[in-house]
C-alpha atoms as a PDB file:
ATOM      1  CA  UNK A   1      78.540 104.918  93.417  1.00  0.00           C
ATOM      2  CA  UNK A   2      79.073 108.703  93.535  1.00  0.00           C
ATOM      3  CA  UNK A   3      78.359 111.315  90.962  1.00  0.00           C
ATOM      4  CA  UNK A   4      80.337 113.613  89.382  1.00  0.00           C
ATOM      5  CA  UNK A   5      80.220 116.917  90.981  1.00  0.00           C
ATOM      6  CA  UNK A   6      79.583 115.574  94.598  1.00  0.00           C
ATOM      7  CA  UNK A   7      82.066 115.728  97.236  1.00  0.00           C
ATOM      8  CA  UNK A   8      83.430 112.949  99.024  1.00  0.00           C
ATOM      9  CA  UNK A   9      85.907 112.351 101.991  1.00  0.00           C
ATOM     10  CA  UNK A  10      88.789 110.100 101.624  1.00  0.00           C
ATOM     11  CA  UNK A  11      90.956 109.152 104.485  1.00  0.00           C
ATOM     12  CA  UNK A  12      94.375 110.062 102.835  1.00  0.00           C
ATOM     13  CA  UNK A  13      93.144 113.377 100.929  1.00  0.00           C
ATOM     14  CA  UNK A  14      90.586 114.917 102.984  1.00  0.00           C
ATOM     15  CA  UNK A  15      87.316 116.121 101.127  1.00  0.00           C
ATOM     16  CA  UNK A  16      87.425 115.877  97.166  1.00  0.00           C
ATOM     17  CA  UNK A  17      85.159 116.713  94.522  1.00  0.00           C
ATOM     18  CA  UNK A  18      84.291 113.866  92.112  1.00  0.00           C
ATOM     19  CA  UNK A  19      85.720 115.492  89.005  1.00  0.00           C
ATOM     20  CA  UNK A  20      85.019 112.332  86.612  1.00  0.00           C
ATOM     21  CA  UNK A  21      84.567 108.482  86.297  1.00  0.00           C
ATOM     22  CA  UNK A  22      87.098 107.345  83.959  1.00  0.00           C
ATOM     23  CA  UNK A  23      89.114 104.464  82.567  1.00  0.00           C
ATOM     24  CA  UNK A  24      92.767 104.837  83.235  1.00  0.00           C
ATOM     25  CA  UNK A  25      95.190 104.507  80.031  1.00  0.00           C
ATOM     26  CA  UNK A  26      97.913 102.956  81.774  1.00  0.00           C
ATOM     27  CA  UNK A  27      99.659  99.615  81.274  1.00  0.00           C
ATOM     28  CA  UNK A  28      99.180  98.269  84.718  1.00  0.00           C
ATOM     29  CA  UNK A  29      95.527  99.384  84.912  1.00  0.00           C
ATOM     30  CA  UNK A  30      92.486  97.477  83.582  1.00  0.00           C
ATOM     31  CA  UNK A  31      90.841  99.077  80.635  1.00  0.00           C
ATOM     32  CA  UNK A  32      87.459  97.725  81.934  1.00  0.00           C
ATOM     33  CA  UNK A  33      88.047  98.935  85.433  1.00  0.00           C
ATOM     34  CA  UNK A  34      86.289 102.470  86.499  1.00  0.00           C
ATOM     35  CA  UNK A  35      88.149 104.979  88.912  1.00  0.00           C
ATOM     36  CA  UNK A  36      86.900 108.162  90.228  1.00  0.00           C
ATOM     37  CA  UNK A  37      89.104 111.098  89.545  1.00  0.00           C
ATOM     38  CA  UNK A  38      89.042 113.096  92.863  1.00  0.00           C
ATOM     39  CA  UNK A  39      90.426 116.471  93.321  1.00  0.00           C
ATOM     40  CA  UNK A  40      91.211 117.291  96.868  1.00  0.00           C
ATOM     41  CA  UNK A  41      89.490 120.705  98.017  1.00  0.00           C
ATOM     42  CA  UNK A  42      92.904 121.820  99.749  1.00  0.00           C
ATOM     43  CA  UNK A  43      95.154 120.727  97.035  1.00  0.00           C
ATOM     44  CA  UNK A  44      93.298 121.626  93.645  1.00  0.00           C
ATOM     45  CA  UNK A  45      96.183 120.812  91.352  1.00  0.00           C
ATOM     46  CA  UNK A  46      96.380 117.111  92.975  1.00  0.00           C
ATOM     47  CA  UNK A  47      94.598 114.319  91.359  1.00  0.00           C
ATOM     48  CA  UNK A  48      93.694 111.212  92.920  1.00  0.00           C
ATOM     49  CA  UNK A  49      92.308 107.774  91.393  1.00  0.00           C
ATOM     50  CA  UNK A  50      90.287 105.522  93.551  1.00  0.00           C
ATOM     51  CA  UNK A  51      88.686 102.478  91.773  1.00  0.00           C
ATOM     52  CA  UNK A  52      85.020 102.584  91.919  1.00  0.00           C
ATOM     53  CA  UNK A  53      84.341  98.906  92.776  1.00  0.00           C
ATOM     54  CA  UNK A  54      87.339  99.289  95.562  1.00  0.00           C
ATOM     55  CA  UNK A  55      86.217  98.376  99.357  1.00  0.00           C
ATOM     56  CA  UNK A  56      89.490  98.780 100.495  1.00  0.00           C
ATOM     57  CA  UNK A  57      89.794 102.581 100.085  1.00  0.00           C
ATOM     58  CA  UNK A  58      87.765 104.295 102.640  1.00  0.00           C
ATOM     59  CA  UNK A  59      85.476 107.037 100.727  1.00  0.00           C
ATOM     60  CA  UNK A  60      82.111 108.278 101.770  1.00  0.00           C
ATOM     61  CA  UNK A  61      79.771 111.259 101.245  1.00  0.00           C
ATOM     62  CA  UNK A  62      80.902 114.589 103.049  1.00  0.00           C
ATOM     63  CA  UNK A  63      78.451 114.870 105.967  1.00  0.00           C
ATOM     64  CA  UNK A  64      75.573 117.522 105.769  1.00  0.00           C
ATOM     65  CA  UNK A  65      74.946 120.235 107.922  1.00  0.00           C
ATOM     66  CA  UNK A  66      72.506 118.580 110.342  1.00  0.00           C
ATOM     67  CA  UNK A  67      75.213 115.715 110.684  1.00  0.00           C
ATOM     68  CA  UNK A  68      77.726 117.905 111.453  1.00  0.00           C
ATOM     69  CA  UNK A  69      75.611 119.460 114.440  1.00  0.00           C
ATOM     70  CA  UNK A  70      75.072 115.975 115.631  1.00  0.00           C
ATOM     71  CA  UNK A  71      78.805 115.206 115.472  1.00  0.00           C
ATOM     72  CA  UNK A  72      79.463 118.256 117.625  1.00  0.00           C
ATOM     73  CA  UNK A  73      76.772 117.387 120.046  1.00  0.00           C
ATOM     74  CA  UNK A  74      78.073 113.712 120.540  1.00  0.00           C
ATOM     75  CA  UNK A  75      81.627 114.961 121.653  1.00  0.00           C
ATOM     76  CA  UNK A  76      81.080 114.823 125.111  1.00  0.00           C
ATOM     77  CA  UNK A  77      79.523 111.358 125.038  1.00  0.00           C
ATOM     78  CA  UNK A  78      82.311 109.703 122.742  1.00  0.00           C
ATOM     79  CA  UNK A  79      84.639 107.675 124.591  1.00  0.00           C
ATOM     80  CA  UNK A  80      88.283 108.117 124.291  1.00  0.00           C
ATOM     81  CA  UNK A  81      90.295 105.741 122.169  1.00  0.00           C
ATOM     82  CA  UNK A  82      91.346 102.966 124.235  1.00  0.00           C
ATOM     83  CA  UNK A  83      95.291 102.100 123.799  1.00  0.00           C
ATOM     84  CA  UNK A  84      96.520  99.307 125.952  1.00  0.00           C
ATOM     85  CA  UNK A  85     100.045  99.944 125.307  1.00  0.00           C
ATOM     86  CA  UNK A  86     102.585 102.062 123.651  1.00  0.00           C
ATOM     87  CA  UNK A  87     103.506  99.443 121.090  1.00  0.00           C
ATOM     88  CA  UNK A  88      99.984  99.641 119.740  1.00  0.00           C
ATOM     89  CA  UNK A  89      99.509 103.315 120.095  1.00  0.00           C
ATOM     90  CA  UNK A  90     100.375 104.234 116.258  1.00  0.00           C
ATOM     91  CA  UNK A  91      98.411 101.228 114.867  1.00  0.00           C
ATOM     92  CA  UNK A  92      95.446 102.487 116.533  1.00  0.00           C
ATOM     93  CA  UNK A  93      95.953 106.156 115.665  1.00  0.00           C
ATOM     94  CA  UNK A  94      96.328 104.780 112.049  1.00  0.00           C
ATOM     95  CA  UNK A  95      93.159 102.698 112.074  1.00  0.00           C
ATOM     96  CA  UNK A  96      91.191 105.762 113.536  1.00  0.00           C
ATOM     97  CA  UNK A  97      92.495 107.964 110.463  1.00  0.00           C
ATOM     98  CA  UNK A  98      91.880 105.479 107.776  1.00  0.00           C
ATOM     99  CA  UNK A  99      88.304 104.749 109.232  1.00  0.00           C
ATOM    100  CA  UNK A 100      87.259 108.012 107.783  1.00  0.00           C
ATOM    101  CA  UNK A 101      84.905 108.043 110.771  1.00  0.00           C
ATOM    102  CA  UNK A 102      84.325 111.322 112.735  1.00  0.00           C
ATOM    103  CA  UNK A 103      83.739 109.671 115.990  1.00  0.00           C
ATOM    104  CA  UNK A 104      86.946 107.655 115.981  1.00  0.00           C
ATOM    105  CA  UNK A 105      88.607 110.876 114.925  1.00  0.00           C
ATOM    106  CA  UNK A 106      87.159 112.471 118.192  1.00  0.00           C
ATOM    107  CA  UNK A 107      87.871 109.344 120.158  1.00  0.00           C
ATOM    108  CA  UNK A 108      91.525 109.785 119.028  1.00  0.00           C
ATOM    109  CA  UNK A 109      91.684 113.338 119.616  1.00  0.00           C
ATOM    110  CA  UNK A 110      90.544 112.970 123.207  1.00  0.00           C
ATOM    111  CA  UNK A 111      92.944 110.262 123.932  1.00  0.00           C
ATOM    112  CA  UNK A 112      95.925 112.426 122.568  1.00  0.00           C
ATOM    113  CA  UNK A 113      94.480 115.561 124.286  1.00  0.00           C
ATOM    114  CA  UNK A 114      94.396 113.731 127.891  1.00  0.00           C
ATOM    115  CA  UNK A 115      97.791 112.079 127.041  1.00  0.00           C
ATOM    116  CA  UNK A 116      99.126 115.383 126.414  1.00  0.00           C
ATOM    117  CA  UNK A 117      97.914 116.888 129.418  1.00  0.00           C
ATOM    118  CA  UNK A 118      99.144 114.169 131.614  1.00  0.00           C
ATOM    119  CA  UNK A 119     102.679 114.552 130.205  1.00  0.00           C
ATOM    120  CA  UNK A 120     102.696 118.390 130.499  1.00  0.00           C
ATOM    121  CA  UNK A 121     101.961 117.756 134.025  1.00  0.00           C
ATOM    122  CA  UNK A 122     104.858 115.772 134.531  1.00  0.00           C
ATOM    123  CA  UNK A 123     106.955 118.212 132.771  1.00  0.00           C
ATOM    124  CA  UNK A 124     107.266 115.831 129.408  1.00  0.00           C
ATOM    125  CA  UNK A 125     106.816 116.872 125.997  1.00  0.00           C
ATOM    126  CA  UNK A 126     104.133 115.554 123.504  1.00  0.00           C
ATOM    127  CA  UNK A 127     105.727 112.615 121.686  1.00  0.00           C
ATOM    128  CA  UNK A 128     106.113 112.848 117.863  1.00  0.00           C
ATOM    129  CA  UNK A 129     103.398 110.145 117.162  1.00  0.00           C
ATOM    130  CA  UNK A 130     101.032 111.830 119.294  1.00  0.00           C
ATOM    131  CA  UNK A 131     101.594 115.203 117.705  1.00  0.00           C
ATOM    132  CA  UNK A 132     101.535 113.882 114.104  1.00  0.00           C
ATOM    133  CA  UNK A 133      98.307 111.940 114.563  1.00  0.00           C
ATOM    134  CA  UNK A 134      96.694 114.663 116.467  1.00  0.00           C
ATOM    135  CA  UNK A 135      97.412 117.226 113.862  1.00  0.00           C
ATOM    136  CA  UNK A 136      96.078 114.756 111.236  1.00  0.00           C
ATOM    137  CA  UNK A 137      92.897 113.944 112.867  1.00  0.00           C
ATOM    138  CA  UNK A 138      91.956 117.524 113.713  1.00  0.00           C
ATOM    139  CA  UNK A 139      92.747 118.504 110.303  1.00  0.00           C
ATOM    140  CA  UNK A 140      90.478 115.814 108.728  1.00  0.00           C
ATOM    141  CA  UNK A 141      87.621 116.566 111.022  1.00  0.00           C
ATOM    142  CA  UNK A 142      87.831 120.357 111.390  1.00  0.00           C
ATOM    143  CA  UNK A 143      87.908 120.500 107.318  1.00  0.00           C
ATOM    144  CA  UNK A 144      84.793 118.174 107.089  1.00  0.00           C
ATOM    145  CA  UNK A 145      82.828 120.224 109.767  1.00  0.00           C
ATOM    146  CA  UNK A 146      83.786 123.395 108.502  1.00  0.00           C
ATOM    147  CA  UNK A 147      82.788 122.408 104.991  1.00  0.00           C
ATOM    148  CA  UNK A 148      79.481 121.100 106.133  1.00  0.00           C
ATOM    149  CA  UNK A 149      78.612 123.997 108.103  1.00  0.00           C
ATOM    150  CA  UNK A 150      79.989 126.709 105.727  1.00  0.00           C
ATOM    151  CA  UNK A 151      82.489 127.802 108.503  1.00  0.00           C
ATOM    152  CA  UNK A 152      86.443 128.401 108.730  1.00  0.00           C
ATOM    153  CA  UNK A 153      88.359 125.541 109.972  1.00  0.00           C
ATOM    154  CA  UNK A 154      89.758 127.858 112.905  1.00  0.00           C
ATOM    155  CA  UNK A 155      86.297 128.406 114.173  1.00  0.00           C
ATOM    156  CA  UNK A 156      85.666 124.860 114.170  1.00  0.00           C
ATOM    157  CA  UNK A 157      88.878 124.601 116.497  1.00  0.00           C
ATOM    158  CA  UNK A 158      87.188 126.759 118.970  1.00  0.00           C
ATOM    159  CA  UNK A 159      84.000 125.033 118.864  1.00  0.00           C
ATOM    160  CA  UNK A 160      85.835 121.654 119.398  1.00  0.00           C
ATOM    161  CA  UNK A 161      88.067 122.784 122.014  1.00  0.00           C
ATOM    162  CA  UNK A 162      84.843 124.181 123.907  1.00  0.00           C
ATOM    163  CA  UNK A 163      83.320 120.752 123.793  1.00  0.00           C
ATOM    164  CA  UNK A 164      86.315 118.928 124.854  1.00  0.00           C
ATOM    165  CA  UNK A 165      86.653 121.308 127.979  1.00  0.00           C
ATOM    166  CA  UNK A 166      83.249 120.904 128.647  1.00  0.00           C
ATOM    167  CA  UNK A 167      83.789 116.959 129.181  1.00  0.00           C
ATOM    168  CA  UNK A 168      87.051 117.679 131.318  1.00  0.00           C
ATOM    169  CA  UNK A 169      85.054 119.623 133.984  1.00  0.00           C
END
């Protein structure tokens, strides 16, 4: 169970602060059920309620500084996400985002990065699906790494790009 004041990662809302643990006063909500009241750090006016006992919602502690550096160091060894057909592409991307797992986000970013380079070499544009999920994966990953390391998200973009380039060479 998370404590009030802790920071957590939620797949749909990014990094959130556990503001409170409450019983919702709504007709559809069970009065006995406890919910985390989460406030996303990037949208402080939003409120997110997630059941304390629900395992369907991916929620975990934000990585610490050491874990963040470990993730960054492992980037070259993370295998790109395998997508066997265009039909399963969006589903695989959704699963990576919803997993709330930095390595799965990296695997997806690598896949889209390589796919985009190949398409560009053929004079083709990036697909809308690739672009949308790439941006979401990058944002989720960079936000958490920047938060854990006390750095700027743009700085993380440069660090990750350097790691991806070292893989390509």
